[in-house]
PDB file of N, CA and C in Angstrom:
ATOM      1  N   MET A   1      -5.214   9.746   0.411  1.00  0.00           N
ATOM      2  CA  MET A   1      -4.844  10.148  -0.923  1.00  0.00           C
ATOM      3  C   MET A   1      -5.865   9.566  -1.890  1.00  0.00           C
ATOM      4  N   SER A   2      -6.160  10.270  -2.951  1.00  0.00           N
ATOM      5  CA  SER A   2      -7.081   9.747  -3.956  1.00  0.00           C
ATOM      6  C   SER A   2      -6.580  10.118  -5.344  1.00  0.00           C
ATOM      7  N   THR A   3      -7.030   9.339  -6.302  1.00  0.00           N
ATOM      8  CA  THR A   3      -6.653   9.593  -7.680  1.00  0.00           C
ATOM      9  C   THR A   3      -7.727   9.039  -8.607  1.00  0.00           C
ATOM     10  N   ALA A   4      -7.917   9.675  -9.744  1.00  0.00           N
ATOM     11  CA  ALA A   4      -8.824   9.158 -10.767  1.00  0.00           C
ATOM     12  C   ALA A   4      -7.993   8.309 -11.720  1.00  0.00           C
ATOM     13  N   LEU A   5      -8.351   7.050 -11.849  1.00  0.00           N
ATOM     14  CA  LEU A   5      -7.585   6.138 -12.681  1.00  0.00           C
ATOM     15  C   LEU A   5      -8.302   5.880 -13.991  1.00  0.00           C
ATOM     16  N   LYS A   6      -7.576   6.042 -15.063  1.00  0.00           N
ATOM     17  CA  LYS A   6      -8.150   5.812 -16.391  1.00  0.00           C
ATOM     18  C   LYS A   6      -7.782   4.445 -16.948  1.00  0.00           C
ATOM     19  N   HIS A   7      -6.798   3.798 -16.350  1.00  0.00           N
ATOM     20  CA  HIS A   7      -6.316   2.510 -16.846  1.00  0.00           C
ATOM     21  C   HIS A   7      -6.473   1.441 -15.772  1.00  0.00           C
ATOM     22  N   PRO A   8      -7.648   0.818 -15.686  1.00  0.00           N
ATOM     23  CA  PRO A   8      -7.798  -0.247 -14.704  1.00  0.00           C
ATOM     24  C   PRO A   8      -6.849  -1.407 -15.006  1.00  0.00           C
ATOM     25  N   TRP A   9      -6.549  -2.156 -13.976  1.00  0.00           N
ATOM     26  CA  TRP A   9      -5.677  -3.325 -14.010  1.00  0.00           C
ATOM     27  C   TRP A   9      -4.211  -2.975 -14.189  1.00  0.00           C
ATOM     28  N   GLN A  10      -3.861  -1.703 -14.070  1.00  0.00           N
ATOM     29  CA  GLN A  10      -2.459  -1.292 -14.099  1.00  0.00           C
ATOM     30  C   GLN A  10      -1.949  -1.255 -12.657  1.00  0.00           C
ATOM     31  N   THR A  11      -0.877  -1.979 -12.378  1.00  0.00           N
ATOM     32  CA  THR A  11      -0.323  -2.038 -11.027  1.00  0.00           C
ATOM     33  C   THR A  11       0.342  -0.718 -10.671  1.00  0.00           C
ATOM     34  N   ILE A  12       0.040  -0.241  -9.480  1.00  0.00           N
ATOM     35  CA  ILE A  12       0.668   0.958  -8.941  1.00  0.00           C
ATOM     36  C   ILE A  12       1.442   0.539  -7.702  1.00  0.00           C
ATOM     37  N   GLU A  13       2.690   0.934  -7.621  1.00  0.00           N
ATOM     38  CA  GLU A  13       3.533   0.576  -6.502  1.00  0.00           C
ATOM     39  C   GLU A  13       3.712   1.795  -5.595  1.00  0.00           C
ATOM     40  N   LEU A  14       3.287   1.656  -4.348  1.00  0.00           N
ATOM     41  CA  LEU A  14       3.439   2.718  -3.366  1.00  0.00           C
ATOM     42  C   LEU A  14       4.633   2.395  -2.484  1.00  0.00           C
ATOM     43  N   GLU A  15       5.537   3.351  -2.346  1.00  0.00           N
ATOM     44  CA  GLU A  15       6.741   3.140  -1.553  1.00  0.00           C
ATOM     45  C   GLU A  15       6.660   3.937  -0.255  1.00  0.00           C
ATOM     46  N   PHE A  16       6.977   3.273   0.853  1.00  0.00           N
ATOM     47  CA  PHE A  16       6.998   3.907   2.164  1.00  0.00           C
ATOM     48  C   PHE A  16       8.379   3.684   2.775  1.00  0.00           C
ATOM     49  N   VAL A  17       8.915   4.723   3.391  1.00  0.00           N
ATOM     50  CA  VAL A  17      10.237   4.644   3.998  1.00  0.00           C
ATOM     51  C   VAL A  17      10.091   4.865   5.499  1.00  0.00           C
ATOM     52  N   ALA A  18      10.562   3.886   6.278  1.00  0.00           N
ATOM     53  CA  ALA A  18      10.500   3.986   7.732  1.00  0.00           C
ATOM     54  C   ALA A  18      11.499   5.032   8.217  1.00  0.00           C
ATOM     55  N   GLU A  19      11.143   5.713   9.287  1.00  0.00           N
ATOM     56  CA  GLU A  19      12.027   6.738   9.836  1.00  0.00           C
ATOM     57  C   GLU A  19      13.223   6.151  10.564  1.00  0.00           C
ATOM     58  N   ARG A  20      13.119   4.892  10.978  1.00  0.00           N
ATOM     59  CA  ARG A  20      14.233   4.273  11.684  1.00  0.00           C
ATOM     60  C   ARG A  20      14.426   2.853  11.170  1.00  0.00           C
ATOM     61  N   GLU A  21      15.535   2.226  11.579  1.00  0.00           N
ATOM     62  CA  GLU A  21      15.806   0.844  11.186  1.00  0.00           C
ATOM     63  C   GLU A  21      15.264  -0.104  12.250  1.00  0.00           C
ATOM     64  N   TYR A  22      14.951  -1.326  11.841  1.00  0.00           N
ATOM     65  CA  TYR A  22      14.438  -2.360  12.738  1.00  0.00           C
ATOM     66  C   TYR A  22      15.375  -3.560  12.699  1.00  0.00           C
ATOM     67  N   ASP A  23      15.469  -4.285  13.816  1.00  0.00           N
ATOM     68  CA  ASP A  23      16.320  -5.473  13.866  1.00  0.00           C
ATOM     69  C   ASP A  23      15.885  -6.504  12.837  1.00  0.00           C
ATOM     70  N   ASN A  24      14.569  -6.686  12.703  1.00  0.00           N
ATOM     71  CA  ASN A  24      14.023  -7.660  11.755  1.00  0.00           C
ATOM     72  C   ASN A  24      12.777  -7.053  11.106  1.00  0.00           C
ATOM     73  N   PRO A  25      12.957  -6.191  10.119  1.00  0.00           N
ATOM     74  CA  PRO A  25      11.798  -5.504   9.524  1.00  0.00           C
ATOM     75  C   PRO A  25      10.784  -6.447   8.891  1.00  0.00           C
ATOM     76  N   TYR A  26      11.237  -7.615   8.441  1.00  0.00           N
ATOM     77  CA  TYR A  26      10.328  -8.593   7.845  1.00  0.00           C
ATOM     78  C   TYR A  26       9.271  -9.048   8.852  1.00  0.00           C
ATOM     79  N   CYS A  27       9.673  -9.213  10.101  1.00  0.00           N
ATOM     80  CA  CYS A  27       8.756  -9.683  11.148  1.00  0.00           C
ATOM     81  C   CYS A  27       8.235  -8.560  12.043  1.00  0.00           C
ATOM     82  N   ASP A  28       9.001  -7.474  12.186  1.00  0.00           N
ATOM     83  CA  ASP A  28       8.672  -6.434  13.158  1.00  0.00           C
ATOM     84  C   ASP A  28       7.695  -5.381  12.646  1.00  0.00           C
ATOM     85  N   VAL A  29       7.533  -5.268  11.340  1.00  0.00           N
ATOM     86  CA  VAL A  29       6.698  -4.204  10.767  1.00  0.00           C
ATOM     87  C   VAL A  29       5.621  -4.817   9.883  1.00  0.00           C
ATOM     88  N   GLU A  30       4.395  -4.372  10.071  1.00  0.00           N
ATOM     89  CA  GLU A  30       3.289  -4.746   9.190  1.00  0.00           C
ATOM     90  C   GLU A  30       2.761  -3.454   8.574  1.00  0.00           C
ATOM     91  N   ILE A  31       2.633  -3.427   7.265  1.00  0.00           N
ATOM     92  CA  ILE A  31       2.186  -2.216   6.567  1.00  0.00           C
ATOM     93  C   ILE A  31       1.043  -2.576   5.630  1.00  0.00           C
ATOM     94  N   TRP A  32       0.109  -1.636   5.443  1.00  0.00           N
ATOM     95  CA  TRP A  32      -1.030  -1.901   4.576  1.00  0.00           C
ATOM     96  C   TRP A  32      -1.585  -0.593   4.008  1.00  0.00           C
ATOM     97  N   VAL A  33      -2.455  -0.759   3.027  1.00  0.00           N
ATOM     98  CA  VAL A  33      -3.224   0.334   2.443  1.00  0.00           C
ATOM     99  C   VAL A  33      -4.679  -0.104   2.423  1.00  0.00           C
ATOM    100  N   ASP A  34      -5.571   0.722   2.944  1.00  0.00           N
ATOM    101  CA  ASP A  34      -7.005   0.486   2.814  1.00  0.00           C
ATOM    102  C   ASP A  34      -7.446   1.159   1.518  1.00  0.00           C
ATOM    103  N   LEU A  35      -7.813   0.339   0.539  1.00  0.00           N
ATOM    104  CA  LEU A  35      -8.133   0.811  -0.809  1.00  0.00           C
ATOM    105  C   LEU A  35      -9.633   0.780  -1.024  1.00  0.00           C
ATOM    106  N   THR A  36     -10.192   1.893  -1.494  1.00  0.00           N
ATOM    107  CA  THR A  36     -11.616   1.954  -1.817  1.00  0.00           C
ATOM    108  C   THR A  36     -11.782   2.557  -3.209  1.00  0.00           C
ATOM    109  N   GLY A  37     -12.781   2.051  -3.904  1.00  0.00           N
ATOM    110  CA  GLY A  37     -13.089   2.536  -5.242  1.00  0.00           C
ATOM    111  C   GLY A  37     -14.497   2.123  -5.604  1.00  0.00           C
ATOM    112  N   PRO A  38     -14.871   2.263  -6.874  1.00  0.00           N
ATOM    113  CA  PRO A  38     -16.211   1.885  -7.297  1.00  0.00           C
ATOM    114  C   PRO A  38     -16.520   0.420  -6.960  1.00  0.00           C
ATOM    115  N   ASP A  39     -17.466   0.203  -6.058  1.00  0.00           N
ATOM    116  CA  ASP A  39     -17.881  -1.148  -5.639  1.00  0.00           C
ATOM    117  C   ASP A  39     -16.715  -1.985  -5.121  1.00  0.00           C
ATOM    118  N   PHE A  40     -15.765  -1.356  -4.432  1.00  0.00           N
ATOM    119  CA  PHE A  40     -14.582  -2.071  -3.951  1.00  0.00           C
ATOM    120  C   PHE A  40     -14.101  -1.464  -2.645  1.00  0.00           C
ATOM    121  N   GLU A  41     -13.749  -2.326  -1.695  1.00  0.00           N
ATOM    122  CA  GLU A  41     -13.151  -1.895  -0.441  1.00  0.00           C
ATOM    123  C   GLU A  41     -12.353  -3.062   0.124  1.00  0.00           C
ATOM    124  N   LYS A  42     -11.030  -2.863   0.276  1.00  0.00           N
ATOM    125  CA  LYS A  42     -10.195  -3.967   0.730  1.00  0.00           C
ATOM    126  C   LYS A  42      -8.914  -3.435   1.360  1.00  0.00           C
ATOM    127  N   ARG A  43      -8.389  -4.179   2.335  1.00  0.00           N
ATOM    128  CA  ARG A  43      -7.079  -3.883   2.924  1.00  0.00           C
ATOM    129  C   ARG A  43      -6.035  -4.695   2.157  1.00  0.00           C
ATOM    130  N   ILE A  44      -5.021  -3.987   1.642  1.00  0.00           N
ATOM    131  CA  ILE A  44      -3.952  -4.601   0.865  1.00  0.00           C
ATOM    132  C   ILE A  44      -2.670  -4.498   1.691  1.00  0.00           C
ATOM    133  N   PHE A  45      -2.072  -5.634   1.994  1.00  0.00           N
ATOM    134  CA  PHE A  45      -0.852  -5.648   2.799  1.00  0.00           C
ATOM    135  C   PHE A  45       0.375  -5.514   1.913  1.00  0.00           C
ATOM    136  N   GLY A  46       1.399  -4.888   2.464  1.00  0.00           N
ATOM    137  CA  GLY A  46       2.647  -4.678   1.751  1.00  0.00           C
ATOM    138  C   GLY A  46       3.742  -5.583   2.259  1.00  0.00           C
ATOM    139  N   PHE A  47       4.960  -5.289   1.828  1.00  0.00           N
ATOM    140  CA  PHE A  47       6.098  -6.120   2.182  1.00  0.00           C
ATOM    141  C   PHE A  47       7.352  -5.272   2.342  1.00  0.00           C
ATOM    142  N   TRP A  48       8.305  -5.823   3.086  1.00  0.00           N
ATOM    143  CA  TRP A  48       9.602  -5.188   3.277  1.00  0.00           C
ATOM    144  C   TRP A  48      10.426  -5.393   2.011  1.00  0.00           C
ATOM    145  N   ASP A  49      11.104  -4.337   1.559  1.00  0.00           N
ATOM    146  CA  ASP A  49      11.846  -4.393   0.300  1.00  0.00           C
ATOM    147  C   ASP A  49      13.331  -4.074   0.490  1.00  0.00           C
ATOM    148  N   GLY A  50      13.833  -4.251   1.697  1.00  0.00           N
ATOM    149  CA  GLY A  50      15.243  -3.983   1.963  1.00  0.00           C
ATOM    150  C   GLY A  50      15.436  -2.670   2.692  1.00  0.00           C
ATOM    151  N   GLU A  51      16.505  -2.631   3.508  1.00  0.00           N
ATOM    152  CA  GLU A  51      16.835  -1.472   4.327  1.00  0.00           C
ATOM    153  C   GLU A  51      15.601  -1.010   5.095  1.00  0.00           C
ATOM    154  N   ASN A  52      15.174   0.227   4.931  1.00  0.00           N
ATOM    155  CA  ASN A  52      13.980   0.707   5.647  1.00  0.00           C
ATOM    156  C   ASN A  52      12.847   1.035   4.671  1.00  0.00           C
ATOM    157  N   ARG A  53      12.788   0.306   3.570  1.00  0.00           N
ATOM    158  CA  ARG A  53      11.812   0.551   2.502  1.00  0.00           C
ATOM    159  C   ARG A  53      10.747  -0.543   2.506  1.00  0.00           C
ATOM    160  N   PHE A  54       9.481  -0.098   2.369  1.00  0.00           N
ATOM    161  CA  PHE A  54       8.341  -1.009   2.314  1.00  0.00           C
ATOM    162  C   PHE A  54       7.501  -0.676   1.090  1.00  0.00           C
ATOM    163  N   ILE A  55       6.901  -1.690   0.473  1.00  0.00           N
ATOM    164  CA  ILE A  55       6.141  -1.531  -0.764  1.00  0.00           C
ATOM    165  C   ILE A  55       4.733  -2.101  -0.583  1.00  0.00           C
ATOM    166  N   VAL A  56       3.744  -1.389  -1.122  1.00  0.00           N
ATOM    167  CA  VAL A  56       2.387  -1.910  -1.246  1.00  0.00           C
ATOM    168  C   VAL A  56       2.010  -1.753  -2.717  1.00  0.00           C
ATOM    169  N   ARG A  57       1.561  -2.836  -3.320  1.00  0.00           N
ATOM    170  CA  ARG A  57       1.140  -2.794  -4.728  1.00  0.00           C
ATOM    171  C   ARG A  57      -0.378  -2.864  -4.786  1.00  0.00           C
ATOM    172  N   ILE A  58      -0.956  -1.911  -5.521  1.00  0.00           N
ATOM    173  CA  ILE A  58      -2.414  -1.863  -5.659  1.00  0.00           C
ATOM    174  C   ILE A  58      -2.799  -1.884  -7.131  1.00  0.00           C
ATOM    175  N   VAL A  59      -4.022  -2.335  -7.379  1.00  0.00           N
ATOM    176  CA  VAL A  59      -4.561  -2.394  -8.737  1.00  0.00           C
ATOM    177  C   VAL A  59      -6.016  -1.951  -8.687  1.00  0.00           C
ATOM    178  N   ALA A  60      -6.375  -1.010  -9.537  1.00  0.00           N
ATOM    179  CA  ALA A  60      -7.771  -0.602  -9.675  1.00  0.00           C
ATOM    180  C   ALA A  60      -8.477  -1.602 -10.584  1.00  0.00           C
ATOM    181  N   THR A  61      -9.633  -2.064 -10.161  1.00  0.00           N
ATOM    182  CA  THR A  61     -10.356  -3.064 -10.950  1.00  0.00           C
ATOM    183  C   THR A  61     -11.364  -2.459 -11.917  1.00  0.00           C
ATOM    184  N   SER A  62     -11.553  -1.133 -11.838  1.00  0.00           N
ATOM    185  CA  SER A  62     -12.460  -0.447 -12.766  1.00  0.00           C
ATOM    186  C   SER A  62     -12.087   1.024 -12.804  1.00  0.00           C
ATOM    187  N   PRO A  63     -12.485   1.756 -13.864  1.00  0.00           N
ATOM    188  CA  PRO A  63     -12.192   3.182 -13.917  1.00  0.00           C
ATOM    189  C   PRO A  63     -12.975   3.928 -12.853  1.00  0.00           C
ATOM    190  N   GLY A  64     -12.470   5.067 -12.456  1.00  0.00           N
ATOM    191  CA  GLY A  64     -13.158   5.891 -11.468  1.00  0.00           C
ATOM    192  C   GLY A  64     -12.196   6.474 -10.464  1.00  0.00           C
ATOM    193  N   VAL A  65     -12.738   7.033  -9.411  1.00  0.00           N
ATOM    194  CA  VAL A  65     -11.927   7.629  -8.362  1.00  0.00           C
ATOM    195  C   VAL A  65     -11.618   6.571  -7.310  1.00  0.00           C
ATOM    196  N   TRP A  66     -10.347   6.433  -6.994  1.00  0.00           N
ATOM    197  CA  TRP A  66      -9.875   5.468  -6.003  1.00  0.00           C
ATOM    198  C   TRP A  66      -9.173   6.225  -4.891  1.00  0.00           C
ATOM    199  N   ARG A  67      -9.386   5.770  -3.661  1.00  0.00           N
ATOM    200  CA  ARG A  67      -8.773   6.398  -2.497  1.00  0.00           C
ATOM    201  C   ARG A  67      -8.034   5.344  -1.689  1.00  0.00           C
ATOM    202  N   TRP A  68      -6.941   5.776  -1.046  1.00  0.00           N
ATOM    203  CA  TRP A  68      -6.234   4.863  -0.164  1.00  0.00           C
ATOM    204  C   TRP A  68      -5.734   5.609   1.054  1.00  0.00           C
ATOM    205  N   ASN A  69      -5.696   4.874   2.157  1.00  0.00           N
ATOM    206  CA  ASN A  69      -5.126   5.356   3.413  1.00  0.00           C
ATOM    207  C   ASN A  69      -4.154   4.297   3.891  1.00  0.00           C
ATOM    208  N   SER A  70      -2.958   4.735   4.266  1.00  0.00           N
ATOM    209  CA  SER A  70      -1.945   3.780   4.703  1.00  0.00           C
ATOM    210  C   SER A  70      -1.964   3.637   6.222  1.00  0.00           C
ATOM    211  N   GLY A  71      -1.472   2.494   6.680  1.00  0.00           N
ATOM    212  CA  GLY A  71      -1.339   2.237   8.096  1.00  0.00           C
ATOM    213  C   GLY A  71      -0.236   1.233   8.339  1.00  0.00           C
ATOM    214  N   SER A  72       0.224   1.167   9.584  1.00  0.00           N
ATOM    215  CA  SER A  72       1.279   0.208   9.910  1.00  0.00           C
ATOM    216  C   SER A  72       1.270  -0.082  11.410  1.00  0.00           C
ATOM    217  N   THR A  73       1.864  -1.199  11.760  1.00  0.00           N
ATOM    218  CA  THR A  73       2.102  -1.541  13.149  1.00  0.00           C
ATOM    219  C   THR A  73       3.551  -1.975  13.275  1.00  0.00           C
ATOM    220  N   VAL A  74       4.084  -1.784  14.454  1.00  0.00           N
ATOM    221  CA  VAL A  74       5.460  -2.164  14.725  1.00  0.00           C
ATOM    222  C   VAL A  74       5.464  -3.057  15.953  1.00  0.00           C
ATOM    223  N   GLU A  75       6.144  -4.204  15.866  1.00  0.00           N
ATOM    224  CA  GLU A  75       6.239  -5.126  17.007  1.00  0.00           C
ATOM    225  C   GLU A  75       7.167  -4.567  18.045  1.00  0.00           C
TER     226      GLU A  75
END
């Protein structure tokens, strides 16, 4: 996914919903977004937010086109 951001330093919250429940989602699931933008490339890890919902918060550090790809692992 990509987007052109006009307001750098504004937090964007990405929500992901697991298709199934886990015994211990805090420990059993790791989720991330690989974020790339102008002179920037970093993996941003997310967190479990209750039930089967996971959140990754990203921030653009400069104006321009930003792209992200999500990924996850399950124990």
